[in-house]
Amino acid sequence: MNIVVDIETTDNCPTAAILSIGAAALSSDGAVVSTFYTPVSLDNCLRIGMTVGADTLAWWMEQDDKARAVWSEAKEKNGAPSLREALCLFNSWLDE
């Protein structure tokens, strides 16, 4: 089985705040077996010292409404899990 991972971030460096984590598990023939998605709390990422790059922020603001919805999910203080919680959810999905 192969796992494909996509993260949306706020910068293009290793300290970038993570807005969301998405993944798909693929069978040997390439069929999608399972998917995973979670937003990540932007507030939490910023509190622990992760960064937002001006160029990346400008790029996000040029995207369509659907893409910018990732920002809305990440900014929800009560809705999006902390980075630690999101990584634990991802780890649990991988274990399945």
PDB file of N, CA and C in Angstrom:
ATOM      1  N   MET A   1       0.839  -1.172   0.000  1.00  0.00           N
ATOM      2  CA  MET A   1       0.000   0.000   0.000  1.00  0.00           C
ATOM      3  C   MET A   1       0.888   1.240   0.000  1.00  0.00           C
ATOM      4  N   ASN A   2       0.490   2.247  -0.747  1.00  0.00           N
ATOM      5  CA  ASN A   2       1.189   3.525  -0.785  1.00  0.00           C
ATOM      6  C   ASN A   2       0.313   4.599  -0.159  1.00  0.00           C
ATOM      7  N   ILE A   3       0.957   5.556   0.500  1.00  0.00           N
ATOM      8  CA  ILE A   3       0.261   6.681   1.108  1.00  0.00           C
ATOM      9  C   ILE A   3       0.729   7.958   0.426  1.00  0.00           C
ATOM     10  N   VAL A   4      -0.209   8.765  -0.047  1.00  0.00           N
ATOM     11  CA  VAL A   4       0.080  10.058  -0.649  1.00  0.00           C
ATOM     12  C   VAL A   4      -0.387  11.116   0.351  1.00  0.00           C
ATOM     13  N   VAL A   5       0.508  12.056   0.687  1.00  0.00           N
ATOM     14  CA  VAL A   5       0.209  13.083   1.692  1.00  0.00           C
ATOM     15  C   VAL A   5       0.295  14.457   1.055  1.00  0.00           C
ATOM     16  N   ASP A   6      -0.639  15.329   1.437  1.00  0.00           N
ATOM     17  CA  ASP A   6      -0.638  16.722   0.978  1.00  0.00           C
ATOM     18  C   ASP A   6      -0.890  17.603   2.195  1.00  0.00           C
ATOM     19  N   ILE A   7       0.001  18.551   2.439  1.00  0.00           N
ATOM     20  CA  ILE A   7      -0.236  19.514   3.508  1.00  0.00           C
ATOM     21  C   ILE A   7      -0.327  20.902   2.900  1.00  0.00           C
ATOM     22  N   GLU A   8      -1.235  21.695   3.447  1.00  0.00           N
ATOM     23  CA  GLU A   8      -1.349  23.092   3.038  1.00  0.00           C
ATOM     24  C   GLU A   8      -0.687  23.914   4.140  1.00  0.00           C
ATOM     25  N   THR A   9       0.179  24.826   3.730  1.00  0.00           N
ATOM     26  CA  THR A   9       0.967  25.591   4.696  1.00  0.00           C
ATOM     27  C   THR A   9       0.875  27.088   4.437  1.00  0.00           C
ATOM     28  N   THR A  10       1.460  27.846   5.353  1.00  0.00           N
ATOM     29  CA  THR A  10       1.432  29.303   5.272  1.00  0.00           C
ATOM     30  C   THR A  10       2.795  29.903   4.949  1.00  0.00           C
ATOM     31  N   ASP A  11       3.733  29.086   4.576  1.00  0.00           N
ATOM     32  CA  ASP A  11       5.075  29.569   4.267  1.00  0.00           C
ATOM     33  C   ASP A  11       5.748  28.492   3.438  1.00  0.00           C
ATOM     34  N   ASN A  12       6.909  28.793   2.885  1.00  0.00           N
ATOM     35  CA  ASN A  12       7.631  27.797   2.088  1.00  0.00           C
ATOM     36  C   ASN A  12       8.966  27.444   2.743  1.00  0.00           C
ATOM     37  N   CYS A  13       8.940  27.352   4.079  1.00  0.00           N
ATOM     38  CA  CYS A  13      10.128  26.983   4.836  1.00  0.00           C
ATOM     39  C   CYS A  13       9.737  25.962   5.906  1.00  0.00           C
ATOM     40  N   PRO A  14      10.705  25.323   6.536  1.00  0.00           N
ATOM     41  CA  PRO A  14      10.396  24.264   7.511  1.00  0.00           C
ATOM     42  C   PRO A  14       9.575  24.710   8.722  1.00  0.00           C
ATOM     43  N   THR A  15       9.524  25.994   9.008  1.00  0.00           N
ATOM     44  CA  THR A  15       8.760  26.482  10.167  1.00  0.00           C
ATOM     45  C   THR A  15       7.332  26.877   9.815  1.00  0.00           C
ATOM     46  N   ALA A  16       6.901  26.596   8.612  1.00  0.00           N
ATOM     47  CA  ALA A  16       5.576  27.006   8.133  1.00  0.00           C
ATOM     48  C   ALA A  16       4.455  26.442   8.993  1.00  0.00           C
ATOM     49  N   ALA A  17       3.483  27.289   9.314  1.00  0.00           N
ATOM     50  CA  ALA A  17       2.269  26.825   9.983  1.00  0.00           C
ATOM     51  C   ALA A  17       1.526  25.925   9.005  1.00  0.00           C
ATOM     52  N   ILE A  18       0.941  24.867   9.529  1.00  0.00           N
ATOM     53  CA  ILE A  18       0.208  23.906   8.710  1.00  0.00           C
ATOM     54  C   ILE A  18      -1.280  24.204   8.822  1.00  0.00           C
ATOM     55  N   LEU A  19      -1.944  24.399   7.698  1.00  0.00           N
ATOM     56  CA  LEU A  19      -3.379  24.679   7.671  1.00  0.00           C
ATOM     57  C   LEU A  19      -4.214  23.410   7.610  1.00  0.00           C
ATOM     58  N   SER A  20      -3.715  22.389   6.913  1.00  0.00           N
ATOM     59  CA  SER A  20      -4.464  21.145   6.809  1.00  0.00           C
ATOM     60  C   SER A  20      -3.537  20.006   6.415  1.00  0.00           C
ATOM     61  N   ILE A  21      -3.999  18.798   6.743  1.00  0.00           N
ATOM     62  CA  ILE A  21      -3.290  17.580   6.365  1.00  0.00           C
ATOM     63  C   ILE A  21      -4.297  16.692   5.628  1.00  0.00           C
ATOM     64  N   GLY A  22      -3.922  16.288   4.437  1.00  0.00           N
ATOM     65  CA  GLY A  22      -4.750  15.379   3.665  1.00  0.00           C
ATOM     66  C   GLY A  22      -3.914  14.202   3.202  1.00  0.00           C
ATOM     67  N   ALA A  23      -4.534  13.054   3.057  1.00  0.00           N
ATOM     68  CA  ALA A  23      -3.799  11.875   2.602  1.00  0.00           C
ATOM     69  C   ALA A  23      -4.753  10.887   1.946  1.00  0.00           C
ATOM     70  N   ALA A  24      -4.186  10.023   1.148  1.00  0.00           N
ATOM     71  CA  ALA A  24      -4.941   8.930   0.533  1.00  0.00           C
ATOM     72  C   ALA A  24      -4.077   7.678   0.578  1.00  0.00           C
ATOM     73  N   ALA A  25      -4.710   6.566   0.912  1.00  0.00           N
ATOM     74  CA  ALA A  25      -4.053   5.264   0.858  1.00  0.00           C
ATOM     75  C   ALA A  25      -4.424   4.640  -0.479  1.00  0.00           C
ATOM     76  N   LEU A  26      -3.413   4.181  -1.204  1.00  0.00           N
ATOM     77  CA  LEU A  26      -3.626   3.607  -2.532  1.00  0.00           C
ATOM     78  C   LEU A  26      -3.234   2.139  -2.541  1.00  0.00           C
ATOM     79  N   SER A  27      -4.050   1.328  -3.201  1.00  0.00           N
ATOM     80  CA  SER A  27      -3.713  -0.076  -3.376  1.00  0.00           C
ATOM     81  C   SER A  27      -2.585  -0.193  -4.392  1.00  0.00           C
ATOM     82  N   SER A  28      -2.085  -1.406  -4.570  1.00  0.00           N
ATOM     83  CA  SER A  28      -0.969  -1.609  -5.504  1.00  0.00           C
ATOM     84  C   SER A  28      -1.341  -1.248  -6.942  1.00  0.00           C
ATOM     85  N   ASP A  29      -2.643  -1.285  -7.273  1.00  0.00           N
ATOM     86  CA  ASP A  29      -3.058  -0.899  -8.629  1.00  0.00           C
ATOM     87  C   ASP A  29      -3.441   0.574  -8.731  1.00  0.00           C
ATOM     88  N   GLY A  30      -3.239   1.329  -7.647  1.00  0.00           N
ATOM     89  CA  GLY A  30      -3.487   2.769  -7.668  1.00  0.00           C
ATOM     90  C   GLY A  30      -4.874   3.196  -7.261  1.00  0.00           C
ATOM     91  N   ALA A  31      -5.723   2.254  -6.894  1.00  0.00           N
ATOM     92  CA  ALA A  31      -7.080   2.610  -6.463  1.00  0.00           C
ATOM     93  C   ALA A  31      -7.036   3.210  -5.056  1.00  0.00           C
ATOM     94  N   VAL A  32      -7.865   4.222  -4.829  1.00  0.00           N
ATOM     95  CA  VAL A  32      -7.940   4.844  -3.514  1.00  0.00           C
ATOM     96  C   VAL A  32      -8.694   3.910  -2.575  1.00  0.00           C
ATOM     97  N   VAL A  33      -8.035   3.530  -1.492  1.00  0.00           N
ATOM     98  CA  VAL A  33      -8.607   2.607  -0.517  1.00  0.00           C
ATOM     99  C   VAL A  33      -9.227   3.381   0.648  1.00  0.00           C
ATOM    100  N   SER A  34      -8.567   4.468   1.044  1.00  0.00           N
ATOM    101  CA  SER A  34      -9.014   5.249   2.194  1.00  0.00           C
ATOM    102  C   SER A  34      -8.458   6.659   2.072  1.00  0.00           C
ATOM    103  N   THR A  35      -9.191   7.638   2.631  1.00  0.00           N
ATOM    104  CA  THR A  35      -8.701   9.014   2.634  1.00  0.00           C
ATOM    105  C   THR A  35      -8.733   9.587   4.045  1.00  0.00           C
ATOM    106  N   PHE A  36      -7.938  10.636   4.232  1.00  0.00           N
ATOM    107  CA  PHE A  36      -7.846  11.325   5.511  1.00  0.00           C
ATOM    108  C   PHE A  36      -7.788  12.828   5.242  1.00  0.00           C
ATOM    109  N   TYR A  37      -8.451  13.595   6.093  1.00  0.00           N
ATOM    110  CA  TYR A  37      -8.351  15.056   6.013  1.00  0.00           C
ATOM    111  C   TYR A  37      -8.641  15.657   7.381  1.00  0.00           C
ATOM    112  N   THR A  38      -7.845  16.623   7.766  1.00  0.00           N
ATOM    113  CA  THR A  38      -8.153  17.421   8.945  1.00  0.00           C
ATOM    114  C   THR A  38      -7.573  18.815   8.774  1.00  0.00           C
ATOM    115  N   PRO A  39      -8.346  19.819   9.169  1.00  0.00           N
ATOM    116  CA  PRO A  39      -7.750  21.152   9.271  1.00  0.00           C
ATOM    117  C   PRO A  39      -6.840  21.160  10.496  1.00  0.00           C
ATOM    118  N   VAL A  40      -5.977  22.147  10.596  1.00  0.00           N
ATOM    119  CA  VAL A  40      -5.102  22.322  11.758  1.00  0.00           C
ATOM    120  C   VAL A  40      -5.288  23.752  12.244  1.00  0.00           C
ATOM    121  N   SER A  41      -5.374  23.933  13.549  1.00  0.00           N
ATOM    122  CA  SER A  41      -5.583  25.258  14.128  1.00  0.00           C
ATOM    123  C   SER A  41      -4.416  26.194  13.823  1.00  0.00           C
ATOM    124  N   LEU A  42      -4.698  27.243  13.067  1.00  0.00           N
ATOM    125  CA  LEU A  42      -3.679  28.236  12.760  1.00  0.00           C
ATOM    126  C   LEU A  42      -3.222  28.934  14.034  1.00  0.00           C
ATOM    127  N   ASP A  43      -4.158  29.255  14.907  1.00  0.00           N
ATOM    128  CA  ASP A  43      -3.831  29.903  16.177  1.00  0.00           C
ATOM    129  C   ASP A  43      -2.827  29.064  16.968  1.00  0.00           C
ATOM    130  N   ASN A  44      -3.068  27.768  17.037  1.00  0.00           N
ATOM    131  CA  ASN A  44      -2.154  26.879  17.755  1.00  0.00           C
ATOM    132  C   ASN A  44      -0.775  26.874  17.103  1.00  0.00           C
ATOM    133  N   CYS A  45      -0.724  26.778  15.788  1.00  0.00           N
ATOM    134  CA  CYS A  45       0.566  26.776  15.086  1.00  0.00           C
ATOM    135  C   CYS A  45       1.349  28.055  15.359  1.00  0.00           C
ATOM    136  N   LEU A  46       0.659  29.187  15.346  1.00  0.00           N
ATOM    137  CA  LEU A  46       1.342  30.461  15.603  1.00  0.00           C
ATOM    138  C   LEU A  46       1.825  30.548  17.047  1.00  0.00           C
ATOM    139  N   ARG A  47       1.027  30.040  17.989  1.00  0.00           N
ATOM    140  CA  ARG A  47       1.427  30.064  19.403  1.00  0.00           C
ATOM    141  C   ARG A  47       2.686  29.253  19.662  1.00  0.00           C
ATOM    142  N   ILE A  48       2.892  28.193  18.887  1.00  0.00           N
ATOM    143  CA  ILE A  48       4.083  27.376  19.109  1.00  0.00           C
ATOM    144  C   ILE A  48       5.262  27.803  18.232  1.00  0.00           C
ATOM    145  N   GLY A  49       5.126  28.948  17.566  1.00  0.00           N
ATOM    146  CA  GLY A  49       6.250  29.538  16.852  1.00  0.00           C
ATOM    147  C   GLY A  49       6.360  29.248  15.377  1.00  0.00           C
ATOM    148  N   MET A  50       5.329  28.664  14.792  1.00  0.00           N
ATOM    149  CA  MET A  50       5.363  28.411  13.355  1.00  0.00           C
ATOM    150  C   MET A  50       5.109  29.727  12.615  1.00  0.00           C
ATOM    151  N   THR A  51       5.440  29.790  11.343  1.00  0.00           N
ATOM    152  CA  THR A  51       5.468  31.065  10.622  1.00  0.00           C
ATOM    153  C   THR A  51       4.448  31.170   9.491  1.00  0.00           C
ATOM    154  N   VAL A  52       4.179  32.431   9.128  1.00  0.00           N
ATOM    155  CA  VAL A  52       3.371  32.776   7.961  1.00  0.00           C
ATOM    156  C   VAL A  52       4.244  33.676   7.092  1.00  0.00           C
ATOM    157  N   GLY A  53       4.460  33.287   5.852  1.00  0.00           N
ATOM    158  CA  GLY A  53       5.267  34.082   4.932  1.00  0.00           C
ATOM    159  C   GLY A  53       4.395  35.037   4.134  1.00  0.00           C
ATOM    160  N   ALA A  54       4.870  36.255   3.956  1.00  0.00           N
ATOM    161  CA  ALA A  54       4.113  37.271   3.222  1.00  0.00           C
ATOM    162  C   ALA A  54       3.809  36.825   1.792  1.00  0.00           C
ATOM    163  N   ASP A  55       4.781  36.232   1.102  1.00  0.00           N
ATOM    164  CA  ASP A  55       4.562  35.778  -0.277  1.00  0.00           C
ATOM    165  C   ASP A  55       3.510  34.671  -0.334  1.00  0.00           C
ATOM    166  N   THR A  56       3.555  33.761   0.633  1.00  0.00           N
ATOM    167  CA  THR A  56       2.596  32.666   0.658  1.00  0.00           C
ATOM    168  C   THR A  56       1.204  33.188   0.999  1.00  0.00           C
ATOM    169  N   LEU A  57       1.132  34.118   1.928  1.00  0.00           N
ATOM    170  CA  LEU A  57      -0.150  34.732   2.282  1.00  0.00           C
ATOM    171  C   LEU A  57      -0.754  35.426   1.059  1.00  0.00           C
ATOM    172  N   ALA A  58       0.058  36.154   0.321  1.00  0.00           N
ATOM    173  CA  ALA A  58      -0.422  36.819  -0.898  1.00  0.00           C
ATOM    174  C   ALA A  58      -0.918  35.781  -1.915  1.00  0.00           C
ATOM    175  N   TRP A  59      -0.192  34.670  -2.055  1.00  0.00           N
ATOM    176  CA  TRP A  59      -0.608  33.612  -2.979  1.00  0.00           C
ATOM    177  C   TRP A  59      -1.960  33.045  -2.554  1.00  0.00           C
ATOM    178  N   TRP A  60      -2.143  32.765  -1.262  1.00  0.00           N
ATOM    179  CA  TRP A  60      -3.411  32.236  -0.785  1.00  0.00           C
ATOM    180  C   TRP A  60      -4.559  33.191  -1.074  1.00  0.00           C
ATOM    181  N   MET A  61      -4.341  34.475  -0.908  1.00  0.00           N
ATOM    182  CA  MET A  61      -5.402  35.459  -1.117  1.00  0.00           C
ATOM    183  C   MET A  61      -5.814  35.564  -2.577  1.00  0.00           C
ATOM    184  N   GLU A  62      -4.960  35.101  -3.492  1.00  0.00           N
ATOM    185  CA  GLU A  62      -5.289  35.106  -4.917  1.00  0.00           C
ATOM    186  C   GLU A  62      -6.076  33.869  -5.343  1.00  0.00           C
ATOM    187  N   GLN A  63      -6.219  32.897  -4.459  1.00  0.00           N
ATOM    188  CA  GLN A  63      -6.901  31.646  -4.797  1.00  0.00           C
ATOM    189  C   GLN A  63      -8.416  31.828  -4.749  1.00  0.00           C
ATOM    190  N   ASP A  64      -9.129  30.862  -5.312  1.00  0.00           N
ATOM    191  CA  ASP A  64     -10.592  30.946  -5.333  1.00  0.00           C
ATOM    192  C   ASP A  64     -11.177  30.704  -3.938  1.00  0.00           C
ATOM    193  N   ASP A  65     -12.481  30.926  -3.821  1.00  0.00           N
ATOM    194  CA  ASP A  65     -13.152  30.804  -2.522  1.00  0.00           C
ATOM    195  C   ASP A  65     -12.989  29.422  -1.910  1.00  0.00           C
ATOM    196  N   LYS A  66     -13.054  28.395  -2.724  1.00  0.00           N
ATOM    197  CA  LYS A  66     -12.938  27.025  -2.210  1.00  0.00           C
ATOM    198  C   LYS A  66     -11.561  26.800  -1.589  1.00  0.00           C
ATOM    199  N   ALA A  67     -10.522  27.261  -2.245  1.00  0.00           N
ATOM    200  CA  ALA A  67      -9.167  27.103  -1.711  1.00  0.00           C
ATOM    201  C   ALA A  67      -8.984  27.935  -0.444  1.00  0.00           C
ATOM    202  N   ARG A  68      -9.510  29.154  -0.449  1.00  0.00           N
ATOM    203  CA  ARG A  68      -9.362  30.018   0.735  1.00  0.00           C
ATOM    204  C   ARG A  68     -10.161  29.496   1.924  1.00  0.00           C
ATOM    205  N   ALA A  69     -11.102  28.591   1.694  1.00  0.00           N
ATOM    206  CA  ALA A  69     -11.863  28.002   2.795  1.00  0.00           C
ATOM    207  C   ALA A  69     -10.947  27.229   3.744  1.00  0.00           C
ATOM    208  N   VAL A  70      -9.800  26.774   3.257  1.00  0.00           N
ATOM    209  CA  VAL A  70      -8.819  26.103   4.114  1.00  0.00           C
ATOM    210  C   VAL A  70      -8.398  27.045   5.239  1.00  0.00           C
ATOM    211  N   TRP A  71      -8.221  28.338   4.905  1.00  0.00           N
ATOM    212  CA  TRP A  71      -7.861  29.336   5.928  1.00  0.00           C
ATOM    213  C   TRP A  71      -8.970  29.455   6.964  1.00  0.00           C
ATOM    214  N   SER A  72     -10.204  29.479   6.519  1.00  0.00           N
ATOM    215  CA  SER A  72     -11.337  29.620   7.445  1.00  0.00           C
ATOM    216  C   SER A  72     -11.391  28.459   8.423  1.00  0.00           C
ATOM    217  N   GLU A  73     -11.214  27.251   7.907  1.00  0.00           N
ATOM    218  CA  GLU A  73     -11.218  26.073   8.782  1.00  0.00           C
ATOM    219  C   GLU A  73     -10.103  26.151   9.815  1.00  0.00           C
ATOM    220  N   ALA A  74      -8.927  26.567   9.379  1.00  0.00           N
ATOM    221  CA  ALA A  74      -7.769  26.614  10.270  1.00  0.00           C
ATOM    222  C   ALA A  74      -7.906  27.716  11.319  1.00  0.00           C
ATOM    223  N   LYS A  75      -8.646  28.792  11.000  1.00  0.00           N
ATOM    224  CA  LYS A  75      -8.807  29.900  11.938  1.00  0.00           C
ATOM    225  C   LYS A  75      -9.888  29.647  12.979  1.00  0.00           C
ATOM    226  N   GLU A  76     -10.729  28.636  12.768  1.00  0.00           N
ATOM    227  CA  GLU A  76     -11.789  28.330  13.724  1.00  0.00           C
ATOM    228  C   GLU A  76     -11.167  27.861  15.029  1.00  0.00           C
ATOM    229  N   LYS A  77     -11.263  28.686  16.054  1.00  0.00           N
ATOM    230  CA  LYS A  77     -10.609  28.354  17.320  1.00  0.00           C
ATOM    231  C   LYS A  77     -11.215  27.128  17.979  1.00  0.00           C
ATOM    232  N   ASN A  78     -12.507  26.878  17.788  1.00  0.00           N
ATOM    233  CA  ASN A  78     -13.148  25.725  18.412  1.00  0.00           C
ATOM    234  C   ASN A  78     -13.311  24.553  17.450  1.00  0.00           C
ATOM    235  N   GLY A  79     -13.012  24.764  16.176  1.00  0.00           N
ATOM    236  CA  GLY A  79     -13.280  23.727  15.204  1.00  0.00           C
ATOM    237  C   GLY A  79     -12.072  22.916  14.780  1.00  0.00           C
ATOM    238  N   ALA A  80     -10.960  23.559  14.568  1.00  0.00           N
ATOM    239  CA  ALA A  80      -9.784  22.856  14.071  1.00  0.00           C
ATOM    240  C   ALA A  80      -8.939  22.338  15.231  1.00  0.00           C
ATOM    241  N   PRO A  81      -8.461  21.104  15.120  1.00  0.00           N
ATOM    242  CA  PRO A  81      -7.621  20.570  16.188  1.00  0.00           C
ATOM    243  C   PRO A  81      -6.242  21.235  16.207  1.00  0.00           C
ATOM    244  N   SER A  82      -5.593  21.162  17.359  1.00  0.00           N
ATOM    245  CA  SER A  82      -4.211  21.646  17.467  1.00  0.00           C
ATOM    246  C   SER A  82      -3.328  20.795  16.562  1.00  0.00           C
ATOM    247  N   LEU A  83      -2.119  21.251  16.315  1.00  0.00           N
ATOM    248  CA  LEU A  83      -1.194  20.481  15.493  1.00  0.00           C
ATOM    249  C   LEU A  83      -0.959  19.109  16.114  1.00  0.00           C
ATOM    250  N   ARG A  84      -0.751  19.055  17.414  1.00  0.00           N
ATOM    251  CA  ARG A  84      -0.533  17.766  18.092  1.00  0.00           C
ATOM    252  C   ARG A  84      -1.739  16.837  17.884  1.00  0.00           C
ATOM    253  N   GLU A  85      -2.943  17.373  18.082  1.00  0.00           N
ATOM    254  CA  GLU A  85      -4.155  16.561  17.901  1.00  0.00           C
ATOM    255  C   GLU A  85      -4.291  16.086  16.456  1.00  0.00           C
ATOM    256  N   ALA A  86      -4.014  16.990  15.502  1.00  0.00           N
ATOM    257  CA  ALA A  86      -4.120  16.634  14.084  1.00  0.00           C
ATOM    258  C   ALA A  86      -3.128  15.530  13.728  1.00  0.00           C
ATOM    259  N   LEU A  87      -1.911  15.626  14.250  1.00  0.00           N
ATOM    260  CA  LEU A  87      -0.911  14.599  13.970  1.00  0.00           C
ATOM    261  C   LEU A  87      -1.284  13.272  14.622  1.00  0.00           C
ATOM    262  N   CYS A  88      -1.893  13.317  15.793  1.00  0.00           N
ATOM    263  CA  CYS A  88      -2.375  12.087  16.435  1.00  0.00           C
ATOM    264  C   CYS A  88      -3.498  11.452  15.610  1.00  0.00           C
ATOM    265  N   LEU A  89      -4.415  12.283  15.086  1.00  0.00           N
ATOM    266  CA  LEU A  89      -5.483  11.770  14.219  1.00  0.00           C
ATOM    267  C   LEU A  89      -4.885  11.121  12.968  1.00  0.00           C
ATOM    268  N   PHE A  90      -3.898  11.777  12.385  1.00  0.00           N
ATOM    269  CA  PHE A  90      -3.245  11.252  11.192  1.00  0.00           C
ATOM    270  C   PHE A  90      -2.554   9.923  11.507  1.00  0.00           C
ATOM    271  N   ASN A  91      -1.862   9.879  12.632  1.00  0.00           N
ATOM    272  CA  ASN A  91      -1.186   8.650  13.039  1.00  0.00           C
ATOM    273  C   ASN A  91      -2.183   7.506  13.236  1.00  0.00           C
ATOM    274  N   SER A  92      -3.323   7.803  13.846  1.00  0.00           N
ATOM    275  CA  SER A  92      -4.361   6.785  14.047  1.00  0.00           C
ATOM    276  C   SER A  92      -4.874   6.263  12.702  1.00  0.00           C
ATOM    277  N   TRP A  93      -5.079   7.195  11.759  1.00  0.00           N
ATOM    278  CA  TRP A  93      -5.531   6.790  10.426  1.00  0.00           C
ATOM    279  C   TRP A  93      -4.477   5.894   9.773  1.00  0.00           C
ATOM    280  N   LEU A  94      -3.196   6.249   9.897  1.00  0.00           N
ATOM    281  CA  LEU A  94      -2.139   5.422   9.321  1.00  0.00           C
ATOM    282  C   LEU A  94      -2.124   4.026   9.929  1.00  0.00           C
ATOM    283  N   ASP A  95      -2.375   3.943  11.242  1.00  0.00           N
ATOM    284  CA  ASP A  95      -2.393   2.646  11.913  1.00  0.00           C
ATOM    285  C   ASP A  95      -3.517   1.739  11.410  1.00  0.00           C
ATOM    286  N   GLU A  96      -4.615   2.348  10.950  1.00  0.00           N
ATOM    287  CA  GLU A  96      -5.740   1.558  10.429  1.00  0.00           C
ATOM    288  C   GLU A  96      -5.323   0.870   9.160  1.00  0.00           C
TER     289      GLU A  96
END
